[in-house]
Amino acid sequence: MSQFATILRVRTRGRGLYEFTGDLVEWVEARGLETGLLTLFCRHTSASLLIQENAAPAVRDDLEAFFELLAPEGKGRYSHDDEGPDDMPAHIRAALTAVSLSIPIVAGRLALGTWQGVYLFEHRRAPHLREVAAHLLGP
């Protein structure tokens, strides 16, 4: 059994979805496994991971708008505001999404569907350098 691990870094410009599928494809292909499982883990409490549509930008816009309705900012709305008014809404958004993903490797490639991409979902307004731990396991 072979296994590999790395930390991928995703630079954000503030709230939004940032696709990093290309980085994953490059890293997985360089490992040379034909079959296996890629596990991803977001190392933050105010960002998350999604597998989502990567062809129509309106999907990402609608997701962002929907999460704004679910967890809006607002002075006095939350007791936790240590890092500003977007802090607690970011934690709520991360709690409602995923901080880890598993993607099968089939024939040496990520087994994503035609229109699927892997995204870091930044929930804070300020730019951040986010870290995603990647672990690849296979024969």
N, C-alpha and C. Protein backbone atom coordinates (compact mmCIF):
# COMPACT_ATOMS: atom_id res chain seq x y z
N MET A 1 0.85 -1.18 0.00
CA MET A 1 0.00 0.00 0.00
C MET A 1 0.89 1.24 0.00
N SER A 2 0.58 2.17 -0.87
CA SER A 2 1.31 3.44 -0.94
C SER A 2 0.44 4.55 -0.38
N GLN A 3 1.09 5.52 0.24
CA GLN A 3 0.37 6.70 0.67
C GLN A 3 1.25 7.93 0.55
N PHE A 4 0.60 9.04 0.27
CA PHE A 4 1.28 10.31 0.07
C PHE A 4 0.47 11.39 0.76
N ALA A 5 1.15 12.43 1.21
CA ALA A 5 0.45 13.55 1.85
C ALA A 5 1.15 14.85 1.51
N THR A 6 0.37 15.91 1.48
CA THR A 6 0.91 17.24 1.24
C THR A 6 -0.06 18.27 1.81
N ILE A 7 0.40 19.49 1.88
CA ILE A 7 -0.46 20.63 2.23
C ILE A 7 -0.54 21.51 0.99
N LEU A 8 -1.75 21.69 0.50
CA LEU A 8 -1.99 22.59 -0.64
C LEU A 8 -2.41 23.95 -0.08
N ARG A 9 -1.98 25.00 -0.72
CA ARG A 9 -2.33 26.34 -0.28
C ARG A 9 -3.21 27.02 -1.33
N VAL A 10 -4.29 27.63 -0.86
CA VAL A 10 -5.22 28.33 -1.73
C VAL A 10 -5.30 29.77 -1.24
N ARG A 11 -4.91 30.69 -2.11
CA ARG A 11 -4.96 32.12 -1.77
C ARG A 11 -6.34 32.66 -2.19
N THR A 12 -7.02 33.29 -1.24
CA THR A 12 -8.33 33.86 -1.54
C THR A 12 -8.25 35.37 -1.59
N ARG A 13 -9.26 35.96 -2.21
CA ARG A 13 -9.36 37.42 -2.28
C ARG A 13 -10.54 37.92 -1.45
N GLY A 14 -11.03 37.04 -0.57
CA GLY A 14 -12.20 37.35 0.23
C GLY A 14 -13.27 36.32 -0.06
N ARG A 15 -14.46 36.56 0.44
CA ARG A 15 -15.56 35.62 0.35
C ARG A 15 -15.77 35.11 -1.08
N GLY A 16 -15.99 33.79 -1.20
CA GLY A 16 -16.27 33.23 -2.52
C GLY A 16 -15.75 31.80 -2.65
N LEU A 17 -15.97 31.23 -3.82
CA LEU A 17 -15.53 29.87 -4.13
C LEU A 17 -14.29 29.93 -5.01
N TYR A 18 -13.26 29.17 -4.62
CA TYR A 18 -11.98 29.16 -5.32
C TYR A 18 -11.67 27.74 -5.76
N GLU A 19 -11.72 27.51 -7.06
CA GLU A 19 -11.48 26.17 -7.58
C GLU A 19 -9.99 25.84 -7.54
N PHE A 20 -9.67 24.65 -7.06
CA PHE A 20 -8.28 24.19 -7.06
C PHE A 20 -8.17 22.77 -7.60
N THR A 21 -9.11 22.38 -8.46
CA THR A 21 -9.10 21.06 -9.07
C THR A 21 -7.80 20.80 -9.82
N GLY A 22 -7.33 21.79 -10.56
CA GLY A 22 -6.10 21.63 -11.35
C GLY A 22 -4.90 21.27 -10.49
N ASP A 23 -4.78 21.90 -9.33
CA ASP A 23 -3.68 21.58 -8.41
C ASP A 23 -3.78 20.13 -7.94
N LEU A 24 -5.02 19.68 -7.66
CA LEU A 24 -5.22 18.29 -7.22
C LEU A 24 -4.87 17.31 -8.32
N VAL A 25 -5.33 17.58 -9.53
CA VAL A 25 -5.05 16.70 -10.67
C VAL A 25 -3.55 16.57 -10.86
N GLU A 26 -2.86 17.68 -10.83
CA GLU A 26 -1.39 17.68 -11.01
C GLU A 26 -0.70 16.86 -9.93
N TRP A 27 -1.10 17.06 -8.68
CA TRP A 27 -0.46 16.36 -7.57
C TRP A 27 -0.75 14.86 -7.63
N VAL A 28 -2.01 14.49 -7.87
CA VAL A 28 -2.39 13.07 -7.93
C VAL A 28 -1.69 12.37 -9.10
N GLU A 29 -1.69 12.97 -10.27
CA GLU A 29 -1.06 12.34 -11.43
C GLU A 29 0.44 12.13 -11.21
N ALA A 30 1.09 13.05 -10.52
CA ALA A 30 2.53 12.91 -10.24
C ALA A 30 2.82 11.75 -9.30
N ARG A 31 1.85 11.28 -8.53
CA ARG A 31 2.05 10.15 -7.61
C ARG A 31 1.99 8.82 -8.35
N GLY A 32 1.35 8.76 -9.50
CA GLY A 32 1.34 7.56 -10.33
C GLY A 32 0.46 6.42 -9.87
N LEU A 33 -0.52 6.66 -9.03
CA LEU A 33 -1.43 5.60 -8.60
C LEU A 33 -2.56 5.43 -9.61
N GLU A 34 -2.91 4.19 -9.92
CA GLU A 34 -4.02 3.91 -10.83
C GLU A 34 -5.36 3.90 -10.11
N THR A 35 -5.37 3.38 -8.88
CA THR A 35 -6.59 3.35 -8.06
C THR A 35 -6.24 3.82 -6.67
N GLY A 36 -7.21 4.40 -6.00
CA GLY A 36 -6.95 4.85 -4.64
C GLY A 36 -8.04 5.78 -4.16
N LEU A 37 -7.73 6.46 -3.09
CA LEU A 37 -8.67 7.41 -2.49
C LEU A 37 -7.90 8.65 -2.06
N LEU A 38 -8.40 9.80 -2.50
CA LEU A 38 -7.85 11.09 -2.10
C LEU A 38 -8.76 11.67 -1.03
N THR A 39 -8.19 12.00 0.11
CA THR A 39 -8.92 12.65 1.19
C THR A 39 -8.38 14.06 1.34
N LEU A 40 -9.28 15.03 1.44
CA LEU A 40 -8.92 16.43 1.61
C LEU A 40 -9.50 16.93 2.92
N PHE A 41 -8.74 17.79 3.61
CA PHE A 41 -9.18 18.33 4.89
C PHE A 41 -8.80 19.81 4.95
N CYS A 42 -9.80 20.67 5.15
CA CYS A 42 -9.58 22.10 5.29
C CYS A 42 -9.16 22.41 6.72
N ARG A 43 -8.03 23.08 6.87
CA ARG A 43 -7.46 23.32 8.20
C ARG A 43 -7.92 24.64 8.82
N HIS A 44 -9.18 25.00 8.59
CA HIS A 44 -9.68 26.29 9.08
C HIS A 44 -11.13 26.15 9.55
N THR A 45 -11.55 27.04 10.45
CA THR A 45 -12.92 27.00 10.96
C THR A 45 -13.83 28.03 10.28
N SER A 46 -13.28 28.81 9.37
CA SER A 46 -14.10 29.82 8.68
C SER A 46 -13.97 29.69 7.16
N ALA A 47 -13.64 28.49 6.71
CA ALA A 47 -13.61 28.14 5.29
C ALA A 47 -14.00 26.66 5.20
N SER A 48 -14.39 26.22 4.02
CA SER A 48 -14.82 24.83 3.87
C SER A 48 -14.50 24.34 2.46
N LEU A 49 -14.87 23.10 2.19
CA LEU A 49 -14.61 22.46 0.91
C LEU A 49 -15.93 22.05 0.26
N LEU A 50 -15.98 22.17 -1.07
CA LEU A 50 -17.15 21.76 -1.83
C LEU A 50 -16.73 21.09 -3.13
N ILE A 51 -17.50 20.12 -3.56
CA ILE A 51 -17.46 19.65 -4.94
C ILE A 51 -18.69 20.25 -5.57
N GLN A 52 -18.49 21.02 -6.64
CA GLN A 52 -19.60 21.78 -7.19
C GLN A 52 -19.42 21.99 -8.68
N GLU A 53 -20.47 22.43 -9.32
CA GLU A 53 -20.51 22.79 -10.74
C GLU A 53 -19.34 23.74 -11.07
N ASN A 54 -18.61 23.43 -12.14
CA ASN A 54 -17.50 24.30 -12.50
C ASN A 54 -17.64 24.92 -13.89
N ALA A 55 -18.82 24.78 -14.50
CA ALA A 55 -19.00 25.33 -15.84
C ALA A 55 -19.75 26.67 -15.81
N ALA A 56 -20.80 26.77 -15.02
CA ALA A 56 -21.63 27.98 -15.01
C ALA A 56 -21.33 28.82 -13.77
N PRO A 57 -20.71 29.99 -13.94
CA PRO A 57 -20.40 30.86 -12.80
C PRO A 57 -21.63 31.26 -11.99
N ALA A 58 -22.81 31.26 -12.60
CA ALA A 58 -24.03 31.65 -11.88
C ALA A 58 -24.30 30.70 -10.71
N VAL A 59 -23.89 29.45 -10.82
CA VAL A 59 -24.08 28.50 -9.72
C VAL A 59 -23.32 28.99 -8.49
N ARG A 60 -22.08 29.39 -8.67
CA ARG A 60 -21.28 29.87 -7.55
C ARG A 60 -21.87 31.17 -6.98
N ASP A 61 -22.32 32.06 -7.85
CA ASP A 61 -22.95 33.31 -7.40
C ASP A 61 -24.19 33.01 -6.56
N ASP A 62 -25.02 32.07 -7.03
CA ASP A 62 -26.24 31.72 -6.31
C ASP A 62 -25.93 31.06 -4.97
N LEU A 63 -24.91 30.22 -4.93
CA LEU A 63 -24.51 29.60 -3.65
C LEU A 63 -24.09 30.67 -2.64
N GLU A 64 -23.28 31.60 -3.08
CA GLU A 64 -22.83 32.67 -2.19
C GLU A 64 -24.01 33.49 -1.69
N ALA A 65 -24.95 33.81 -2.57
CA ALA A 65 -26.13 34.59 -2.17
C ALA A 65 -26.99 33.80 -1.19
N PHE A 66 -27.14 32.50 -1.41
CA PHE A 66 -27.93 31.67 -0.52
C PHE A 66 -27.32 31.62 0.88
N PHE A 67 -25.99 31.45 0.96
CA PHE A 67 -25.34 31.40 2.27
C PHE A 67 -25.39 32.77 2.96
N GLU A 68 -25.44 33.84 2.19
CA GLU A 68 -25.60 35.16 2.80
C GLU A 68 -26.97 35.26 3.49
N LEU A 69 -27.98 34.65 2.90
CA LEU A 69 -29.31 34.63 3.52
C LEU A 69 -29.35 33.74 4.76
N LEU A 70 -28.66 32.59 4.70
CA LEU A 70 -28.65 31.65 5.82
C LEU A 70 -27.92 32.18 7.04
N ALA A 71 -26.79 32.84 6.79
CA ALA A 71 -25.96 33.32 7.90
C ALA A 71 -25.50 34.75 7.59
N PRO A 72 -26.41 35.70 7.74
CA PRO A 72 -26.08 37.09 7.42
C PRO A 72 -25.21 37.74 8.50
N GLU A 73 -24.49 38.75 8.09
CA GLU A 73 -23.77 39.57 9.06
C GLU A 73 -24.77 40.53 9.71
N GLY A 74 -24.43 41.03 10.87
CA GLY A 74 -25.28 42.02 11.51
C GLY A 74 -24.76 42.37 12.88
N LYS A 75 -24.55 43.64 13.11
CA LYS A 75 -24.07 44.09 14.41
C LYS A 75 -25.07 43.69 15.48
N GLY A 76 -24.58 43.02 16.52
CA GLY A 76 -25.43 42.59 17.61
C GLY A 76 -26.19 41.29 17.36
N ARG A 77 -26.06 40.73 16.16
CA ARG A 77 -26.78 39.49 15.82
C ARG A 77 -26.18 38.28 16.54
N TYR A 78 -24.85 38.27 16.71
CA TYR A 78 -24.15 37.14 17.31
C TYR A 78 -23.32 37.62 18.50
N SER A 79 -23.18 36.78 19.51
CA SER A 79 -22.34 37.16 20.65
C SER A 79 -20.86 36.99 20.32
N HIS A 80 -20.52 36.06 19.41
CA HIS A 80 -19.11 35.87 19.01
C HIS A 80 -18.82 36.79 17.83
N ASP A 81 -18.04 37.83 18.10
CA ASP A 81 -17.62 38.74 17.04
C ASP A 81 -16.18 39.20 17.28
N ASP A 82 -15.38 38.28 17.82
CA ASP A 82 -14.00 38.60 18.20
C ASP A 82 -13.18 39.16 17.04
N GLU A 83 -13.45 38.66 15.83
CA GLU A 83 -12.65 39.10 14.68
C GLU A 83 -13.46 39.93 13.69
N GLY A 84 -14.59 40.45 14.13
CA GLY A 84 -15.39 41.30 13.27
C GLY A 84 -16.75 40.71 12.94
N PRO A 85 -17.58 41.48 12.24
CA PRO A 85 -18.96 41.06 11.99
C PRO A 85 -19.09 39.86 11.04
N ASP A 86 -18.05 39.53 10.28
CA ASP A 86 -18.14 38.37 9.39
C ASP A 86 -17.61 37.10 10.05
N ASP A 87 -17.15 37.19 11.30
CA ASP A 87 -16.53 36.04 11.98
C ASP A 87 -17.54 34.92 12.27
N MET A 88 -18.59 35.19 13.00
CA MET A 88 -19.55 34.14 13.34
C MET A 88 -20.31 33.64 12.12
N PRO A 89 -20.74 34.51 11.20
CA PRO A 89 -21.37 33.98 9.99
C PRO A 89 -20.45 33.01 9.24
N ALA A 90 -19.15 33.28 9.25
CA ALA A 90 -18.19 32.37 8.59
C ALA A 90 -18.18 31.01 9.28
N HIS A 91 -18.23 31.00 10.61
CA HIS A 91 -18.25 29.72 11.34
C HIS A 91 -19.54 28.95 11.04
N ILE A 92 -20.65 29.65 10.96
CA ILE A 92 -21.93 28.99 10.66
C ILE A 92 -21.89 28.38 9.25
N ARG A 93 -21.38 29.13 8.30
CA ARG A 93 -21.30 28.63 6.91
C ARG A 93 -20.39 27.42 6.82
N ALA A 94 -19.29 27.44 7.55
CA ALA A 94 -18.39 26.28 7.55
C ALA A 94 -19.07 25.07 8.20
N ALA A 95 -19.87 25.31 9.25
CA ALA A 95 -20.57 24.21 9.92
C ALA A 95 -21.63 23.59 9.01
N LEU A 96 -22.19 24.36 8.10
CA LEU A 96 -23.24 23.86 7.21
C LEU A 96 -22.69 23.18 5.95
N THR A 97 -21.41 23.32 5.72
CA THR A 97 -20.78 22.70 4.55
C THR A 97 -19.83 21.61 5.06
N ALA A 98 -18.78 21.32 4.32
CA ALA A 98 -17.87 20.24 4.70
C ALA A 98 -16.45 20.75 4.88
N VAL A 99 -15.73 20.19 5.84
CA VAL A 99 -14.31 20.50 5.97
C VAL A 99 -13.45 19.36 5.45
N SER A 100 -14.07 18.24 5.05
CA SER A 100 -13.31 17.15 4.44
C SER A 100 -14.09 16.55 3.28
N LEU A 101 -13.36 16.03 2.31
CA LEU A 101 -13.92 15.39 1.14
C LEU A 101 -13.12 14.13 0.83
N SER A 102 -13.76 13.15 0.22
CA SER A 102 -13.08 11.96 -0.28
C SER A 102 -13.41 11.81 -1.75
N ILE A 103 -12.38 11.61 -2.57
CA ILE A 103 -12.58 11.47 -4.01
C ILE A 103 -11.84 10.21 -4.48
N PRO A 104 -12.55 9.26 -5.07
CA PRO A 104 -11.89 8.06 -5.58
C PRO A 104 -10.94 8.40 -6.73
N ILE A 105 -9.89 7.61 -6.85
CA ILE A 105 -8.98 7.68 -7.99
C ILE A 105 -9.25 6.43 -8.83
N VAL A 106 -9.62 6.63 -10.08
CA VAL A 106 -9.94 5.53 -10.99
C VAL A 106 -9.15 5.75 -12.28
N ALA A 107 -8.40 4.74 -12.69
CA ALA A 107 -7.57 4.83 -13.90
C ALA A 107 -6.61 6.02 -13.83
N GLY A 108 -6.09 6.27 -12.63
CA GLY A 108 -5.09 7.32 -12.44
C GLY A 108 -5.64 8.73 -12.40
N ARG A 109 -6.96 8.87 -12.36
CA ARG A 109 -7.57 10.20 -12.40
C ARG A 109 -8.61 10.37 -11.29
N LEU A 110 -8.84 11.62 -10.90
CA LEU A 110 -9.93 11.91 -9.97
C LEU A 110 -11.24 11.48 -10.62
N ALA A 111 -12.07 10.76 -9.90
CA ALA A 111 -13.34 10.26 -10.45
C ALA A 111 -14.44 11.30 -10.33
N LEU A 112 -14.14 12.52 -10.71
CA LEU A 112 -15.13 13.59 -10.69
C LEU A 112 -16.00 13.50 -11.94
N GLY A 113 -17.24 13.97 -11.81
CA GLY A 113 -18.12 14.03 -12.97
C GLY A 113 -17.70 15.14 -13.92
N THR A 114 -18.32 15.15 -15.08
CA THR A 114 -17.96 16.07 -16.15
C THR A 114 -17.92 17.53 -15.71
N TRP A 115 -18.90 17.96 -14.94
CA TRP A 115 -19.01 19.36 -14.57
C TRP A 115 -18.60 19.62 -13.12
N GLN A 116 -17.94 18.68 -12.48
CA GLN A 116 -17.58 18.86 -11.07
C GLN A 116 -16.18 19.42 -10.93
N GLY A 117 -16.04 20.33 -9.99
CA GLY A 117 -14.76 20.87 -9.61
C GLY A 117 -14.66 20.89 -8.10
N VAL A 118 -13.43 20.97 -7.59
CA VAL A 118 -13.21 21.01 -6.15
C VAL A 118 -12.88 22.45 -5.77
N TYR A 119 -13.59 22.94 -4.75
CA TYR A 119 -13.49 24.34 -4.35
C TYR A 119 -13.18 24.49 -2.87
N LEU A 120 -12.41 25.52 -2.58
CA LEU A 120 -12.33 26.03 -1.22
C LEU A 120 -13.39 27.14 -1.16
N PHE A 121 -14.25 27.08 -0.16
CA PHE A 121 -15.30 28.07 0.02
C PHE A 121 -14.86 29.00 1.14
N GLU A 122 -14.40 30.18 0.75
CA GLU A 122 -13.94 31.19 1.72
C GLU A 122 -15.16 31.91 2.27
N HIS A 123 -15.27 31.93 3.59
CA HIS A 123 -16.43 32.55 4.23
C HIS A 123 -16.12 33.91 4.87
N ARG A 124 -14.88 34.34 4.82
CA ARG A 124 -14.51 35.65 5.39
C ARG A 124 -14.36 36.67 4.27
N ARG A 125 -14.54 37.95 4.60
CA ARG A 125 -14.42 39.01 3.61
C ARG A 125 -12.98 39.33 3.25
N ALA A 126 -12.06 39.16 4.19
CA ALA A 126 -10.66 39.50 3.95
C ALA A 126 -9.93 38.39 3.19
N PRO A 127 -8.91 38.73 2.44
CA PRO A 127 -8.10 37.70 1.77
C PRO A 127 -7.39 36.83 2.81
N HIS A 128 -7.22 35.55 2.47
CA HIS A 128 -6.52 34.61 3.33
C HIS A 128 -5.68 33.65 2.49
N LEU A 129 -4.67 33.09 3.12
CA LEU A 129 -3.94 31.97 2.54
C LEU A 129 -4.42 30.74 3.29
N ARG A 130 -5.24 29.91 2.65
CA ARG A 130 -5.85 28.75 3.29
C ARG A 130 -5.03 27.50 3.00
N GLU A 131 -5.09 26.56 3.92
CA GLU A 131 -4.36 25.29 3.77
C GLU A 131 -5.34 24.13 3.72
N VAL A 132 -5.10 23.23 2.78
CA VAL A 132 -5.88 22.01 2.63
C VAL A 132 -4.92 20.85 2.68
N ALA A 133 -5.10 19.98 3.67
CA ALA A 133 -4.27 18.77 3.77
C ALA A 133 -4.82 17.74 2.79
N ALA A 134 -3.93 17.13 2.03
CA ALA A 134 -4.31 16.11 1.07
C ALA A 134 -3.59 14.81 1.42
N HIS A 135 -4.34 13.72 1.39
CA HIS A 135 -3.79 12.39 1.68
C HIS A 135 -4.27 11.44 0.60
N LEU A 136 -3.35 10.77 -0.04
CA LEU A 136 -3.65 9.84 -1.13
C LEU A 136 -3.22 8.45 -0.71
N LEU A 137 -4.14 7.49 -0.84
CA LEU A 137 -3.87 6.11 -0.43
C LEU A 137 -4.26 5.18 -1.57
N GLY A 138 -3.39 4.23 -1.87
CA GLY A 138 -3.69 3.26 -2.93
C GLY A 138 -2.67 2.15 -2.98
N PRO A 139 -2.99 1.12 -3.78
CA PRO A 139 -2.07 -0.04 -3.88
C PRO A 139 -0.81 0.29 -4.65
